[in-house]
Amino acid sequence: KMLSCAGADRLQTGMRGAYGKPQGLTARINIGDPIISVRAKDTHAPILIEALRRAKYKFPGRQKILRSTKWGFTKWTREEY
């Protein structure tokens, strides 16, 4: 525990937990489970795909970006809807 002079109103941990060591529990998912599902207009698709491409580097392992043939989160395809 560290407390120092000016503005030391919060307790600091210093180097404890450094070097990317795990801090706690996260969500447990199986291989093939979706991590993020997003619904957007077709005009925003390229921007959305780029955002998901950048976000997938924040997750461990290999991530895929899939575009669904369904309408939104429904069970119908675009043609049926």
C-alpha atoms as a PDB file:
ATOM      1  CA  LYS A   1       0.000   0.000   0.000  1.00  0.00           C
ATOM      2  CA  MET A   2       1.241   3.426  -0.910  1.00  0.00           C
ATOM      3  CA  LEU A   3       0.186   6.808   0.357  1.00  0.00           C
ATOM      4  CA  SER A   4       2.230   9.826  -0.541  1.00  0.00           C
ATOM      5  CA  CYS A   5       1.999  13.558  -0.014  1.00  0.00           C
ATOM      6  CA  ALA A   6       0.013  16.007  -2.113  1.00  0.00           C
ATOM      7  CA  GLY A   7      -3.271  14.624  -3.382  1.00  0.00           C
ATOM      8  CA  ALA A   8      -2.887  11.121  -1.946  1.00  0.00           C
ATOM      9  CA  ASP A   9      -6.592  10.715  -1.348  1.00  0.00           C
ATOM     10  CA  ARG A  10      -6.762   7.269  -2.963  1.00  0.00           C
ATOM     11  CA  LEU A  11      -5.000   4.091  -1.946  1.00  0.00           C
ATOM     12  CA  GLN A  12      -2.615   2.967  -4.675  1.00  0.00           C
ATOM     13  CA  THR A  13      -1.458  -0.539  -5.493  1.00  0.00           C
ATOM     14  CA  GLY A  14       1.828   0.394  -7.144  1.00  0.00           C
ATOM     15  CA  MET A  15       3.355  -2.466  -9.159  1.00  0.00           C
ATOM     16  CA  ARG A  16       1.043  -5.095  -7.688  1.00  0.00           C
ATOM     17  CA  GLY A  17      -0.706  -6.973 -10.505  1.00  0.00           C
ATOM     18  CA  ALA A  18       1.627  -5.627 -13.199  1.00  0.00           C
ATOM     19  CA  TYR A  19       2.761  -7.362 -16.417  1.00  0.00           C
ATOM     20  CA  GLY A  20      -0.714  -8.405 -17.544  1.00  0.00           C
ATOM     21  CA  LYS A  21      -1.440 -10.895 -14.808  1.00  0.00           C
ATOM     22  CA  PRO A  22      -5.095 -11.921 -14.508  1.00  0.00           C
ATOM     23  CA  GLN A  23      -7.068  -9.784 -12.062  1.00  0.00           C
ATOM     24  CA  GLY A  24     -10.356 -11.670 -11.774  1.00  0.00           C
ATOM     25  CA  LEU A  25     -13.015 -13.715 -13.547  1.00  0.00           C
ATOM     26  CA  THR A  26     -14.489 -13.017 -16.945  1.00  0.00           C
ATOM     27  CA  ALA A  27     -17.294 -14.501 -18.991  1.00  0.00           C
ATOM     28  CA  ARG A  28     -16.663 -18.091 -20.013  1.00  0.00           C
ATOM     29  CA  ILE A  29     -17.694 -18.918 -23.561  1.00  0.00           C
ATOM     30  CA  ASN A  30     -17.303 -21.941 -25.781  1.00  0.00           C
ATOM     31  CA  ILE A  31     -15.558 -22.094 -29.124  1.00  0.00           C
ATOM     32  CA  GLY A  32     -17.933 -20.834 -31.799  1.00  0.00           C
ATOM     33  CA  ASP A  33     -20.088 -18.731 -29.452  1.00  0.00           C
ATOM     34  CA  PRO A  34     -20.698 -15.133 -30.552  1.00  0.00           C
ATOM     35  CA  ILE A  35     -18.937 -12.554 -28.394  1.00  0.00           C
ATOM     36  CA  ILE A  36     -20.557  -9.413 -29.830  1.00  0.00           C
ATOM     37  CA  SER A  37     -23.747  -9.063 -31.878  1.00  0.00           C
ATOM     38  CA  VAL A  38     -24.448  -5.737 -33.547  1.00  0.00           C
ATOM     39  CA  ARG A  39     -27.390  -4.519 -35.612  1.00  0.00           C
ATOM     40  CA  ALA A  40     -26.939  -1.543 -37.946  1.00  0.00           C
ATOM     41  CA  LYS A  41     -28.176  -0.095 -41.225  1.00  0.00           C
ATOM     42  CA  ASP A  42     -26.608  -1.389 -44.430  1.00  0.00           C
ATOM     43  CA  THR A  43     -25.072   2.021 -45.118  1.00  0.00           C
ATOM     44  CA  HIS A  44     -23.008   1.732 -41.925  1.00  0.00           C
ATOM     45  CA  ALA A  45     -21.731  -1.785 -42.654  1.00  0.00           C
ATOM     46  CA  PRO A  46     -18.168  -0.836 -43.716  1.00  0.00           C
ATOM     47  CA  ILE A  47     -17.698   1.391 -40.660  1.00  0.00           C
ATOM     48  CA  LEU A  48     -19.091  -1.303 -38.388  1.00  0.00           C
ATOM     49  CA  ILE A  49     -16.862  -4.015 -39.833  1.00  0.00           C
ATOM     50  CA  GLU A  50     -13.817  -1.785 -39.353  1.00  0.00           C
ATOM     51  CA  ALA A  51     -14.817  -1.100 -35.741  1.00  0.00           C
ATOM     52  CA  LEU A  52     -15.245  -4.819 -35.051  1.00  0.00           C
ATOM     53  CA  ARG A  53     -11.924  -5.551 -36.744  1.00  0.00           C
ATOM     54  CA  ARG A  54     -10.209  -3.143 -34.357  1.00  0.00           C
ATOM     55  CA  ALA A  55     -12.112  -4.502 -31.364  1.00  0.00           C
ATOM     56  CA  LYS A  56     -11.203  -8.139 -32.003  1.00  0.00           C
ATOM     57  CA  TYR A  57      -7.579  -7.446 -31.083  1.00  0.00           C
ATOM     58  CA  LYS A  58      -8.739  -6.787 -27.515  1.00  0.00           C
ATOM     59  CA  PHE A  59      -9.848 -10.419 -27.145  1.00  0.00           C
ATOM     60  CA  PRO A  60      -7.458 -13.366 -26.846  1.00  0.00           C
ATOM     61  CA  GLY A  61      -7.430 -16.003 -29.539  1.00  0.00           C
ATOM     62  CA  ARG A  62      -8.573 -15.806 -33.139  1.00  0.00           C
ATOM     63  CA  GLN A  63     -11.815 -13.947 -33.797  1.00  0.00           C
ATOM     64  CA  LYS A  64     -13.977 -13.953 -36.923  1.00  0.00           C
ATOM     65  CA  ILE A  65     -16.338 -11.263 -38.155  1.00  0.00           C
ATOM     66  CA  LEU A  66     -19.462 -12.784 -39.689  1.00  0.00           C
ATOM     67  CA  ARG A  67     -22.260 -10.954 -41.478  1.00  0.00           C
ATOM     68  CA  SER A  68     -25.645 -12.583 -41.049  1.00  0.00           C
ATOM     69  CA  THR A  69     -28.169 -13.138 -43.825  1.00  0.00           C
ATOM     70  CA  LYS A  70     -31.013 -12.610 -41.330  1.00  0.00           C
ATOM     71  CA  TRP A  71     -32.940  -9.388 -40.811  1.00  0.00           C
ATOM     72  CA  GLY A  72     -31.675  -7.861 -37.544  1.00  0.00           C
ATOM     73  CA  PHE A  73     -31.939 -10.368 -34.703  1.00  0.00           C
ATOM     74  CA  THR A  74     -34.990 -12.117 -36.197  1.00  0.00           C
ATOM     75  CA  LYS A  75     -35.217 -15.616 -37.651  1.00  0.00           C
ATOM     76  CA  TRP A  76     -36.260 -14.346 -41.119  1.00  0.00           C
ATOM     77  CA  THR A  77     -33.920 -13.648 -44.012  1.00  0.00           C
ATOM     78  CA  ARG A  78     -33.826 -10.243 -45.659  1.00  0.00           C
ATOM     79  CA  GLU A  79     -35.953 -11.447 -48.578  1.00  0.00           C
ATOM     80  CA  GLU A  80     -38.616 -12.970 -46.326  1.00  0.00           C
ATOM     81  CA  TYR A  81     -38.894  -9.923 -44.141  1.00  0.00           C
END
